[in-house]
Amino acid sequence: MEMTLDEVVREMNELERHMEKFEWKYSIKSSEFYKLVLAGIIEEAFELHEWLGLYKLWLNRREHYLELLKSPSPLLKLTQPIKADFFKTERAAA
């Protein structure tokens, strides 16, 4: 079943609340944590696998969210269509 924009945003917010616990504990934002994991710089720990899984799920939901934003919305009235690469800039970094 296809998730609505509202459902995707709510799930992203819930994931962010869970990730925030790790961000506070380790004093690093999830996006930088993910970059360090991909580079193999962080030592593996069981707890970090949970954080990594949450962030990967968040990234998946974010992609879905960005796709849904390109569709017409009854709540947001766009003055022009959103270009495919619009959200790939730094202003959309998580």
C-alpha atoms as a PDB file:
ATOM      1  CA  MET A   1       0.000   0.000   0.000  1.00  0.00           C
ATOM      2  CA  GLU A   2       1.274   3.449  -0.955  1.00  0.00           C
ATOM      3  CA  MET A   3       1.996   5.774   1.962  1.00  0.00           C
ATOM      4  CA  THR A   4       0.510   9.251   1.890  1.00  0.00           C
ATOM      5  CA  LEU A   5       2.601  12.375   2.344  1.00  0.00           C
ATOM      6  CA  ASP A   6       1.145  12.780   5.828  1.00  0.00           C
ATOM      7  CA  GLU A   7       2.081   9.203   6.788  1.00  0.00           C
ATOM      8  CA  VAL A   8       5.611   9.585   5.452  1.00  0.00           C
ATOM      9  CA  VAL A   9       6.172  12.853   7.337  1.00  0.00           C
ATOM     10  CA  ARG A  10       4.810  11.380  10.571  1.00  0.00           C
ATOM     11  CA  GLU A  11       7.065   8.319  10.236  1.00  0.00           C
ATOM     12  CA  MET A  12      10.101  10.474   9.465  1.00  0.00           C
ATOM     13  CA  ASN A  13       9.401  12.555  12.570  1.00  0.00           C
ATOM     14  CA  GLU A  14       9.101   9.404  14.688  1.00  0.00           C
ATOM     15  CA  LEU A  15      12.387   8.063  13.307  1.00  0.00           C
ATOM     16  CA  GLU A  16      14.041  11.414  14.032  1.00  0.00           C
ATOM     17  CA  ARG A  17      12.874  11.225  17.657  1.00  0.00           C
ATOM     18  CA  HIS A  18      14.486   7.788  18.005  1.00  0.00           C
ATOM     19  CA  MET A  19      17.706   8.906  16.293  1.00  0.00           C
ATOM     20  CA  GLU A  20      17.888  11.984  18.499  1.00  0.00           C
ATOM     21  CA  LYS A  21      18.597   9.757  21.524  1.00  0.00           C
ATOM     22  CA  PHE A  22      21.746   8.504  19.798  1.00  0.00           C
ATOM     23  CA  GLU A  23      22.692  11.996  18.638  1.00  0.00           C
ATOM     24  CA  TRP A  24      22.517  13.277  22.214  1.00  0.00           C
ATOM     25  CA  LYS A  25      24.407  10.288  23.594  1.00  0.00           C
ATOM     26  CA  TYR A  26      27.233  10.405  21.034  1.00  0.00           C
ATOM     27  CA  SER A  27      27.168  14.173  20.287  1.00  0.00           C
ATOM     28  CA  ILE A  28      26.974  13.717  16.531  1.00  0.00           C
ATOM     29  CA  LYS A  29      24.163  14.195  14.033  1.00  0.00           C
ATOM     30  CA  SER A  30      22.883  11.095  12.254  1.00  0.00           C
ATOM     31  CA  SER A  31      23.980  12.285   8.812  1.00  0.00           C
ATOM     32  CA  GLU A  32      27.623  12.612   9.930  1.00  0.00           C
ATOM     33  CA  PHE A  33      27.414   9.303  11.809  1.00  0.00           C
ATOM     34  CA  TYR A  34      26.254   7.657   8.581  1.00  0.00           C
ATOM     35  CA  LYS A  35      29.152   9.148   6.601  1.00  0.00           C
ATOM     36  CA  LEU A  36      31.611   7.825   9.198  1.00  0.00           C
ATOM     37  CA  VAL A  37      30.028   4.355   9.039  1.00  0.00           C
ATOM     38  CA  LEU A  38      30.237   4.309   5.238  1.00  0.00           C
ATOM     39  CA  ALA A  39      33.908   5.317   5.443  1.00  0.00           C
ATOM     40  CA  GLY A  40      34.592   2.489   7.926  1.00  0.00           C
ATOM     41  CA  ILE A  41      35.820   4.958  10.550  1.00  0.00           C
ATOM     42  CA  ILE A  42      33.482   3.957  13.391  1.00  0.00           C
ATOM     43  CA  GLU A  43      34.127   0.800  15.394  1.00  0.00           C
ATOM     44  CA  GLU A  44      31.206  -1.630  15.244  1.00  0.00           C
ATOM     45  CA  ALA A  45      28.938  -1.864  18.277  1.00  0.00           C
ATOM     46  CA  PHE A  46      25.550  -3.542  18.628  1.00  0.00           C
ATOM     47  CA  GLU A  47      23.794  -0.313  19.661  1.00  0.00           C
ATOM     48  CA  LEU A  48      25.147   1.478  16.612  1.00  0.00           C
ATOM     49  CA  HIS A  49      23.467  -1.058  14.325  1.00  0.00           C
ATOM     50  CA  GLU A  50      20.103   0.123  15.629  1.00  0.00           C
ATOM     51  CA  TRP A  51      21.027   3.743  14.888  1.00  0.00           C
ATOM     52  CA  LEU A  52      22.277   2.801  11.437  1.00  0.00           C
ATOM     53  CA  GLY A  53      19.052   0.913  10.706  1.00  0.00           C
ATOM     54  CA  LEU A  54      16.939   3.868  11.832  1.00  0.00           C
ATOM     55  CA  TYR A  55      18.923   6.238   9.634  1.00  0.00           C
ATOM     56  CA  LYS A  56      18.714   3.964   6.591  1.00  0.00           C
ATOM     57  CA  LEU A  57      14.952   3.719   7.056  1.00  0.00           C
ATOM     58  CA  TRP A  58      14.797   7.505   7.423  1.00  0.00           C
ATOM     59  CA  LEU A  59      16.755   7.910   4.160  1.00  0.00           C
ATOM     60  CA  ASN A  60      14.302   5.577   2.437  1.00  0.00           C
ATOM     61  CA  ARG A  61      11.338   7.551   3.755  1.00  0.00           C
ATOM     62  CA  ARG A  62      13.025  10.814   2.757  1.00  0.00           C
ATOM     63  CA  GLU A  63      13.348   9.632  -0.844  1.00  0.00           C
ATOM     64  CA  HIS A  64       9.683   8.655  -0.827  1.00  0.00           C
ATOM     65  CA  TYR A  65       8.815  12.035   0.729  1.00  0.00           C
ATOM     66  CA  LEU A  66      10.735  13.935  -1.961  1.00  0.00           C
ATOM     67  CA  GLU A  67       8.953  11.961  -4.686  1.00  0.00           C
ATOM     68  CA  LEU A  68       5.566  12.676  -3.132  1.00  0.00           C
ATOM     69  CA  LEU A  69       6.388  16.385  -2.954  1.00  0.00           C
ATOM     70  CA  LYS A  70       6.677  16.431  -6.745  1.00  0.00           C
ATOM     71  CA  SER A  71       3.038  15.377  -7.016  1.00  0.00           C
ATOM     72  CA  PRO A  72       0.188  17.866  -6.810  1.00  0.00           C
ATOM     73  CA  SER A  73      -0.871  18.475  -3.213  1.00  0.00           C
ATOM     74  CA  PRO A  74      -4.175  19.862  -1.958  1.00  0.00           C
ATOM     75  CA  LEU A  75      -2.277  21.497   0.929  1.00  0.00           C
ATOM     76  CA  LEU A  76       0.664  23.079  -0.893  1.00  0.00           C
ATOM     77  CA  LYS A  77      -0.103  25.198  -3.923  1.00  0.00           C
ATOM     78  CA  LEU A  78       3.021  25.232  -6.096  1.00  0.00           C
ATOM     79  CA  THR A  79       3.614  28.122  -8.466  1.00  0.00           C
ATOM     80  CA  GLN A  80       5.635  25.869 -10.750  1.00  0.00           C
ATOM     81  CA  PRO A  81       6.584  22.185 -10.989  1.00  0.00           C
ATOM     82  CA  ILE A  82       9.458  21.010  -8.797  1.00  0.00           C
ATOM     83  CA  LYS A  83      12.496  20.058 -10.883  1.00  0.00           C
ATOM     84  CA  ALA A  84      13.921  16.567 -10.368  1.00  0.00           C
ATOM     85  CA  ASP A  85      17.246  17.806  -8.933  1.00  0.00           C
ATOM     86  CA  PHE A  86      15.815  20.594  -6.746  1.00  0.00           C
ATOM     87  CA  PHE A  87      16.171  18.653  -3.461  1.00  0.00           C
ATOM     88  CA  LYS A  88      19.641  17.304  -4.257  1.00  0.00           C
ATOM     89  CA  THR A  89      21.328  20.536  -3.115  1.00  0.00           C
ATOM     90  CA  GLU A  90      22.841  21.360   0.278  1.00  0.00           C
ATOM     91  CA  ARG A  91      19.673  23.139   1.408  1.00  0.00           C
ATOM     92  CA  ALA A  92      17.983  19.723   1.722  1.00  0.00           C
ATOM     93  CA  ALA A  93      20.747  18.003   3.703  1.00  0.00           C
ATOM     94  CA  ALA A  94      19.525  16.100   6.718  1.00  0.00           C
END
